[in-house]
Every structure is written in structure tokens, then in C-alpha cells.
Protein backbone atom coordinates (compact mmCIF):
# COMPACT_ATOMS: atom_id res chain seq x y z
CA MET A 1 -20.83 20.66 14.01
CA CYS A 2 -18.67 23.63 14.64
CA ALA A 3 -19.38 27.23 13.44
CA SER A 4 -17.65 26.63 10.22
CA GLY A 5 -19.83 23.81 9.45
CA VAL A 6 -16.96 21.38 9.76
CA ARG A 7 -17.29 18.35 12.24
CA GLU A 8 -15.13 18.50 15.15
CA ILE A 9 -12.45 15.81 15.55
CA ILE A 10 -12.78 14.36 18.87
CA VAL A 11 -9.49 13.33 20.55
CA SER A 12 -9.58 10.39 22.79
CA THR A 13 -7.55 10.43 25.80
CA ALA A 14 -7.29 6.53 26.09
CA ARG A 15 -4.18 4.90 24.23
CA PRO A 16 -4.92 4.94 20.50
CA ARG A 17 -4.88 1.73 18.48
CA LEU A 18 -3.36 2.85 15.48
CA GLN A 19 -3.02 1.39 11.62
CA ILE A 20 0.52 2.18 11.16
CA SER A 21 2.02 2.38 7.64
CA VAL A 22 5.72 1.92 7.35
CA GLU A 23 7.52 2.78 4.14
CA PHE A 24 10.71 0.98 4.05
CA THR A 25 11.41 2.89 0.52
CA ASN A 26 9.37 4.84 -2.08
CA HIS A 27 11.32 3.60 -4.84
CA CYS A 28 9.57 1.21 -7.14
CA ASN A 29 11.02 -0.83 -10.09
CA MET A 30 7.92 -0.55 -11.98
CA THR A 31 5.98 2.49 -13.57
CA CYS A 32 2.48 1.20 -13.70
CA ARG A 33 -0.06 3.33 -15.85
CA PHE A 34 -2.39 3.88 -13.16
CA CYS A 35 0.26 4.72 -10.73
CA PRO A 36 1.90 8.16 -9.66
CA HIS A 37 5.36 6.59 -10.15
CA SER A 38 4.57 6.61 -13.90
CA ILE A 39 4.48 10.43 -13.76
CA HIS A 40 7.02 11.15 -11.29
CA ARG A 41 7.98 14.93 -11.23
CA ARG A 42 5.78 15.52 -14.34
CA GLU A 43 2.55 17.25 -14.77
CA SER A 44 -0.52 15.13 -13.38
CA PRO A 45 -3.85 14.87 -15.02
CA SER A 46 -5.87 15.82 -11.74
CA GLY A 47 -4.08 18.84 -10.19
CA ASN A 48 -1.75 17.41 -7.43
CA ARG A 49 1.75 16.18 -8.20
CA PHE A 50 3.88 13.52 -7.13
CA ASP A 51 7.45 15.12 -6.72
CA ARG A 52 8.56 13.68 -3.42
CA ASP A 53 12.36 12.76 -3.02
CA LYS A 54 12.94 9.12 -3.01
CA GLY A 55 15.17 7.28 -0.44
CA PHE A 56 15.46 4.11 1.85
CA MET A 57 14.25 3.98 5.61
CA SER A 58 17.19 4.13 8.11
CA ASP A 59 17.67 1.73 10.99
CA ARG A 60 16.92 4.75 13.47
CA VAL A 61 13.61 5.52 11.75
CA PHE A 62 12.73 1.90 11.58
CA ASP A 63 13.67 1.20 15.24
CA LEU A 64 11.14 4.25 16.19
CA ALA A 65 8.46 2.95 14.02
CA LEU A 66 8.93 -0.75 15.30
CA GLY A 67 8.36 0.58 18.89
CA ASN A 68 5.48 2.35 18.11
CA ALA A 69 4.04 -0.45 16.30
CA LYS A 70 4.54 -2.76 19.53
CA LYS A 71 2.89 0.00 21.68
CA TYR A 72 -0.12 1.44 19.59
CA GLY A 73 -0.34 -0.96 16.70
CA ARG A 74 -3.57 -2.64 15.81
CA GLU A 75 -2.19 -3.15 12.35
CA VAL A 76 1.14 -2.67 10.68
CA LEU A 77 1.14 -2.20 6.92
CA VAL A 78 4.31 -2.52 4.99
CA GLY A 79 4.05 -0.91 1.77
CA PHE A 80 2.76 2.81 1.88
CA PHE A 81 4.25 3.83 -1.62
CA GLY A 82 6.89 1.87 -3.16
CA GLU A 83 8.32 -1.90 -3.53
CA GLN A 84 9.23 -2.54 -0.17
CA THR A 85 11.37 -5.65 -1.24
CA MET A 86 13.81 -3.38 -2.83
CA HIS A 87 15.06 -2.16 0.53
CA LYS A 88 18.46 -4.16 1.46
CA ARG A 89 17.22 -4.35 5.10
CA PHE A 90 13.83 -5.85 3.85
CA ALA A 91 14.53 -9.25 5.43
CA ALA A 92 15.99 -7.99 8.63
CA PHE A 93 13.19 -5.47 8.98
CA THR A 94 10.49 -8.17 8.60
CA ARG A 95 12.01 -10.50 11.14
CA LEU A 96 11.95 -7.77 13.77
CA LEU A 97 8.51 -6.81 12.93
CA SER A 98 7.31 -10.34 13.43
CA ASP A 99 7.84 -9.74 17.17
CA CYS A 100 4.79 -7.13 16.96
CA ARG A 101 1.56 -8.82 18.32
CA CYS A 102 -0.65 -6.82 15.81
CA ARG A 103 -1.63 -7.93 12.51
CA LYS A 104 1.34 -7.40 9.78
CA VAL A 105 0.42 -6.93 6.16
CA LEU A 106 2.69 -6.91 3.05
CA ASN A 107 1.86 -4.86 -0.17
CA THR A 108 4.25 -6.24 -3.05
CA ASN A 109 4.48 -6.60 -6.72
CA TRP A 110 6.41 -9.83 -6.11
CA SER A 111 9.36 -9.11 -8.61
CA TYR A 112 11.97 -9.63 -5.93
CA ILE A 113 10.78 -12.62 -4.27
CA THR A 114 12.15 -16.17 -4.83
CA ALA A 115 11.94 -19.46 -3.50
CA ALA A 116 15.02 -18.55 -1.22
CA ASN A 117 13.49 -15.75 0.41
CA MET A 118 9.77 -16.91 0.60
CA GLU A 119 10.62 -18.13 4.35
CA PHE A 120 10.45 -14.78 5.93
CA ILE A 121 7.50 -13.56 3.70
CA LYS A 122 5.74 -16.30 5.80
CA LEU A 123 6.13 -14.03 8.66
CA TYR A 124 3.29 -11.81 7.55
CA ASP A 125 -0.36 -12.43 8.36
CA LEU A 126 -1.42 -11.38 5.12
CA VAL A 127 0.48 -10.78 1.77
CA ARG A 128 -1.23 -8.74 -1.04
CA ILE A 129 0.17 -9.39 -4.44
CA SER A 130 -0.49 -7.02 -7.16
CA ILE A 131 -1.07 -8.80 -10.56
CA ASP A 132 -3.31 -6.66 -12.61
CA ALA A 133 -3.53 -8.85 -16.09
CA SER A 134 -4.46 -12.29 -17.05
CA ASN A 135 -1.71 -12.29 -19.87
CA ALA A 136 1.62 -11.05 -20.55
CA ASP A 137 0.79 -8.63 -23.38
CA LEU A 138 -1.71 -6.69 -21.25
CA TYR A 139 0.78 -6.87 -18.07
CA GLU A 140 3.75 -5.46 -20.18
CA GLN A 141 1.27 -2.72 -21.31
CA LEU A 142 -0.19 -1.85 -17.89
CA CYS A 143 2.95 -2.45 -15.61
CA PRO A 144 6.14 -1.64 -17.55
CA GLY A 145 9.32 -1.18 -15.53
CA GLY A 146 12.37 -2.84 -14.20
CA ALA A 147 13.85 -6.10 -13.76
CA PHE A 148 11.97 -9.22 -12.53
CA LEU A 149 13.76 -12.25 -10.63
CA ASP A 150 12.30 -15.52 -11.39
CA LEU A 151 12.09 -18.50 -9.00
CA ASP A 152 15.68 -19.26 -8.70
CA GLY A 153 16.98 -15.70 -8.33
CA GLY A 154 18.15 -15.14 -11.87
CA LEU A 155 16.92 -12.39 -14.27
CA ALA A 156 13.37 -13.29 -15.78
CA GLN A 157 13.16 -12.94 -19.48
CA ASP A 158 9.42 -12.96 -19.45
CA ARG A 159 8.32 -11.15 -16.52
CA TYR A 160 4.87 -12.17 -16.47
CA ALA A 161 5.54 -15.86 -16.70
CA ALA A 162 7.98 -15.49 -13.95
CA LEU A 163 5.32 -13.84 -11.73
CA VAL A 164 2.86 -16.76 -12.39
CA GLU A 165 5.36 -19.33 -11.66
CA LYS A 166 6.31 -17.82 -8.27
CA ILE A 167 2.79 -17.24 -7.19
CA GLU A 168 1.82 -20.98 -7.91
CA HIS A 169 5.01 -21.93 -6.03
CA TRP A 170 3.88 -19.93 -3.13
CA PHE A 171 0.56 -21.29 -3.19
CA ASP A 172 2.16 -24.79 -3.12
CA LEU A 173 3.93 -24.08 0.17
CA PRO A 174 1.45 -25.56 2.93
CA ASP A 175 2.51 -22.88 5.28
CA HIS A 176 2.53 -20.00 3.06
CA ALA A 177 0.80 -16.74 4.67
CA LYS A 178 -2.64 -15.95 3.84
CA THR A 179 -2.73 -14.19 0.42
CA TRP A 180 -4.85 -11.90 -1.71
CA LEU A 181 -4.10 -11.64 -5.50
CA VAL A 182 -5.04 -7.92 -6.11
CA TYR A 183 -6.38 -7.03 -9.63
CA VAL A 184 -6.75 -3.20 -9.67
CA THR A 185 -9.17 -2.34 -12.39
CA SER A 186 -8.89 0.67 -14.55
CA SER A 187 -10.19 1.76 -18.07
CA ILE A 188 -7.13 -0.05 -19.43
CA ASN A 189 -7.82 -3.46 -18.13
CA GLU A 190 -11.52 -3.54 -17.05
CA HIS A 191 -12.32 -5.81 -20.10
CA ASP A 192 -9.88 -8.38 -18.70
CA ARG A 193 -11.16 -8.45 -15.22
CA ASN A 194 -13.53 -11.46 -15.55
CA GLU A 195 -10.98 -13.51 -17.32
CA PHE A 196 -8.65 -13.01 -14.65
CA VAL A 197 -10.82 -13.97 -12.10
CA ARG A 198 -11.62 -17.02 -14.15
CA GLN A 199 -7.98 -18.09 -14.57
CA TRP A 200 -6.93 -17.57 -10.84
CA LEU A 201 -9.77 -18.88 -8.67
CA PRO A 202 -8.98 -22.54 -9.57
CA LYS A 203 -5.23 -21.95 -8.89
CA THR A 204 -5.90 -20.31 -5.65
CA PRO A 205 -6.22 -22.07 -2.32
CA ARG A 206 -9.55 -21.81 -0.40
CA ARG A 207 -8.18 -19.73 2.57
CA ASP A 208 -6.56 -17.29 0.06
CA SER A 209 -8.41 -14.82 -2.12
CA VAL A 210 -8.65 -13.06 -5.52
CA VAL A 211 -9.50 -9.42 -5.14
CA THR A 212 -10.64 -6.92 -7.79
CA LYS A 213 -10.82 -3.40 -6.74
CA ARG A 214 -11.15 0.16 -8.55
CA VAL A 215 -8.13 2.48 -9.17
CA VAL A 216 -8.13 5.40 -7.00
CA SER A 217 -6.84 8.94 -7.80
CA TYR A 218 -4.09 8.59 -5.03
CA GLY A 219 -5.02 11.85 -3.41
CA GLY A 220 -5.88 13.58 -6.57
CA ILE A 221 -2.94 12.83 -8.87
CA MET A 222 -4.29 10.27 -11.27
CA ALA A 223 -7.51 10.42 -13.37
CA ASP A 224 -9.43 7.53 -14.95
CA GLU A 225 -13.04 7.23 -16.28
CA THR A 226 -13.53 4.44 -13.85
CA MET A 227 -13.16 6.53 -10.70
CA ARG A 228 -16.08 7.57 -8.90
CA LYS A 229 -16.69 10.02 -6.09
CA TYR A 230 -16.55 8.76 -2.39
CA GLN A 231 -16.85 10.32 1.08
CA CYS A 232 -13.37 10.75 2.82
CA ARG A 233 -13.05 8.23 5.85
CA ILE A 234 -9.51 9.26 6.74
CA PRO A 235 -10.00 11.47 9.70
CA ARG A 236 -11.64 8.45 11.72
CA GLU A 237 -9.56 5.61 10.80
CA GLY A 238 -6.52 6.13 13.08
CA ARG A 239 -4.14 5.92 10.38
CA VAL A 240 -0.42 7.04 10.63
CA VAL A 241 1.98 6.75 7.63
CA VAL A 242 5.64 6.72 8.56
CA ALA A 243 7.67 7.58 5.43
CA TRP A 244 11.08 6.44 4.67
CA ASN A 245 12.37 9.72 6.26
CA GLY A 246 10.44 9.72 9.13
CA ASP A 247 7.68 12.00 8.10
CA CYS A 248 4.25 11.09 9.38
CA SER A 249 0.87 11.81 7.59
CA PRO A 250 -2.66 10.65 8.54
CA CYS A 251 -3.70 9.80 4.92
CA ASN A 252 -2.64 6.44 3.05
CA LEU A 253 -3.17 8.40 0.06
CA ASP A 254 -0.92 11.20 0.56
CA VAL A 255 1.93 9.84 -1.59
CA ASN A 256 3.71 13.31 -1.50
CA MET A 257 3.44 13.54 2.02
CA ALA A 258 1.82 17.12 1.49
CA LEU A 259 -0.18 16.51 4.73
CA ARG A 260 2.97 16.15 6.57
CA SER A 261 2.17 16.59 10.33
CA GLY A 262 5.53 15.77 12.12
CA ASN A 263 8.31 13.38 12.12
CA ILE A 264 8.80 10.48 14.12
CA LEU A 265 12.55 11.66 14.55
CA ASP A 266 11.21 14.74 16.35
CA THR A 267 8.22 13.21 17.94
CA PRO A 268 9.24 9.56 18.63
CA ASP A 269 5.81 8.82 20.59
CA LEU A 270 3.06 8.42 17.81
CA GLY A 271 0.40 8.63 20.67
CA ALA A 272 1.70 12.13 21.21
CA LEU A 273 2.04 13.03 17.65
CA VAL A 274 -1.66 11.99 16.93
CA ALA A 275 -2.92 13.95 20.12
CA SER A 276 -0.91 17.05 19.11
CA ALA A 277 -2.47 20.41 17.89
CA GLU A 278 -0.87 20.09 14.53
CA TRP A 279 -2.10 16.78 13.68
CA GLN A 280 -5.80 17.41 14.80
CA LYS A 281 -5.46 20.88 12.67
CA THR A 282 -4.59 18.48 9.62
CA LEU A 283 -7.57 16.08 10.33
CA ARG A 284 -9.89 19.01 10.06
CA ARG A 285 -8.13 20.00 7.04
CA ILE A 286 -8.96 16.78 5.53
CA GLU A 287 -12.33 16.57 6.71
CA GLY A 288 -13.10 20.02 5.19
CA ARG A 289 -11.43 19.27 2.00
CA LYS A 290 -8.87 21.79 2.50
CA GLY A 291 -5.74 22.39 0.41
CA ILE A 292 -4.55 19.47 -1.61
CA CYS A 293 -7.71 17.51 -0.64
CA VAL A 294 -9.79 19.51 -3.04
CA ASN A 295 -8.63 17.63 -5.78
CA CYS A 296 -9.13 14.26 -4.11
CA PHE A 297 -12.80 13.32 -4.98
CA ASP A 298 -12.67 9.51 -4.49
CA SER A 299 -10.55 8.85 -1.46
CA ASN A 300 -10.44 5.12 -0.59
CA ASN A 301 -13.23 4.09 -2.86
CA HIS A 302 -13.68 0.49 -1.87
CA THR A 303 -17.55 0.07 -2.83
CA LYS A 304 -16.53 -2.08 -6.02
CA ASN A 305 -13.93 -4.18 -4.27
CA VAL A 306 -14.84 -7.90 -4.40
CA ARG A 307 -13.11 -10.51 -2.68
CA HIS A 308 -13.41 -14.02 -4.08
CA ALA A 309 -12.66 -17.17 -1.95
CA GLY A 310 -9.96 -19.58 -3.78
CA LYS A 311 -11.42 -22.61 -5.10
CA ARG A 312 -8.47 -24.89 -5.19
CA LYS A 313 -8.86 -27.78 -2.64
């Protein structure tokens, strides 16, 4: 402990092994009710706001992120805060990322995925698909928003039916990437969670999983009665979020990039960035719950996460 009562953050001189979140875009075609996209540039219930500009990552920013992923990455997570498949260069970026030796993870709502483009989705080590309801009525209530493509690439009339059909087709592919079906539980859908698990476990291959988790406040923006206090672990997890415009933050819940501590265009080497005085100062602010962290009471609360192994033979 230092004199202020806040633990010191120890800076290692060894080459860091980082979890790098690469945000191809922070646009999303949905406005899910538990997500800050549903209240973009409006008052939030928890004190912080989501009012960051939206955009798409340039080739220059991606090239820098890719180089750092090859040098420092223990894991690359594609999907910080948006639907990454909306980027017109998503397929090209994915193919380039496939050369990284580190673990590659994609978060997606699966809306833009079709039978034709599933081939490059196979290049990920893990695909996490958001599907937060067991039926169409609840899905439309919980996850309103934009267009859905069906399996053949046409415009789906029934979004939930298209989502289910595409997931089932994906599971039928013998070489599909390891997949988690993710159900985010909030006060809106907690009554449906067990039914979702009951429906999907027999359809899910044994190497894949059905995951139920608790909704979080996204850094003190959203509020829900199911949220619970949790100790922040961000200062010691070795995370770097690279936003679409190159801004960098150590927190994967910092959807507004309010903890921005550099830009990859200005400091192209992430090893130097995480060792910088500014980055370390930000980690100490997070550790002491200063600034926007005052309103983030739940952090990455994974204590109620449950991963069920699929039962399909």
C-alpha cells in the first residue's frame, strides 16, 4: 500500500502478454435494452453516459493493432463495443488476424452472418453468439433494432427464426469454430433463462457451450436490479482496448473511452504504451475508483456465469 491507501501497480520490465480488444466498429444494428446503445447520447440511469462518436476502423489503425497482436497478444478479442461484422472490411481483417498465433475470439449478434460468409468465421478460435431469449416475442422485446440477414443472405422477415436457423446450420458444419451461445440475464428475461438452456442444450454439440451470465452496468452506465457489487480486476488483467479511431483504454467496460490513455497512432508500440506514466496513472485511478469508476460498482461480475456443455452427439 502507498500512503494514499491505494495499492501500487507493479510495472514489469518483461515483454507484456496482453489481451487486446480490437474494435472494428462501435456501430450496432440493434438497441438491446440492457445495452448502452439503447440510450446513446441520452441520460443514463447510473450516472455515466455513452456519447462517444461512432465510426469504423481504418486500415492504418488495424495494421498497427495487428502488429501489436502478433508481438504482445495472448488473446485478441474482436468485439469491444459494436457489431463487428458491420465493417465492410470484416472478412479481410479476419483473414489477416488468422496469422496471429494467439487465441482469437469474436463476439457477435450473428445478424450479418450467412451460409456464404461462415467460412471465414471458422478462422476464430472461439465465437460467442448473443442470443438472449428462447422465443421470438421476448427477443423482439429485448433486442429491437435493425435488419437481419437470413441464411441465404436475404432480408429476414422473422429475425429470431433466422437467427435460430443460422446457428443450427453453423452447428451442422463439422469444422465450425468452437462456439458459445451467450444468454445475458437481466430482470427482463431472467424468467426465461432455464427454458433457453433446456431448448438449446440438445441442439448444441458437445464441444460447444451454452453460457448464461449476469448483465453488467457497462462501467456505470446501465442499471438493473439483478446487478451486484464486485471487486474490479481491470488493473491486473493486462487488457488493452483499441477503439476504432486508435484510442486505447485498459478497461473493457469503458464503452465511452473515458479512460483513454493514449492512441495507437501516436504510440504505435503497445508495450511502450502500457509502460507509460499516463497508462500507470490510469490504472491507479481505476484501482482507487476515481472519476467515472465511482459509478461502476459491479465491474466484470462473472460470479453467476454458468457454462453448460452441449449435449448433441
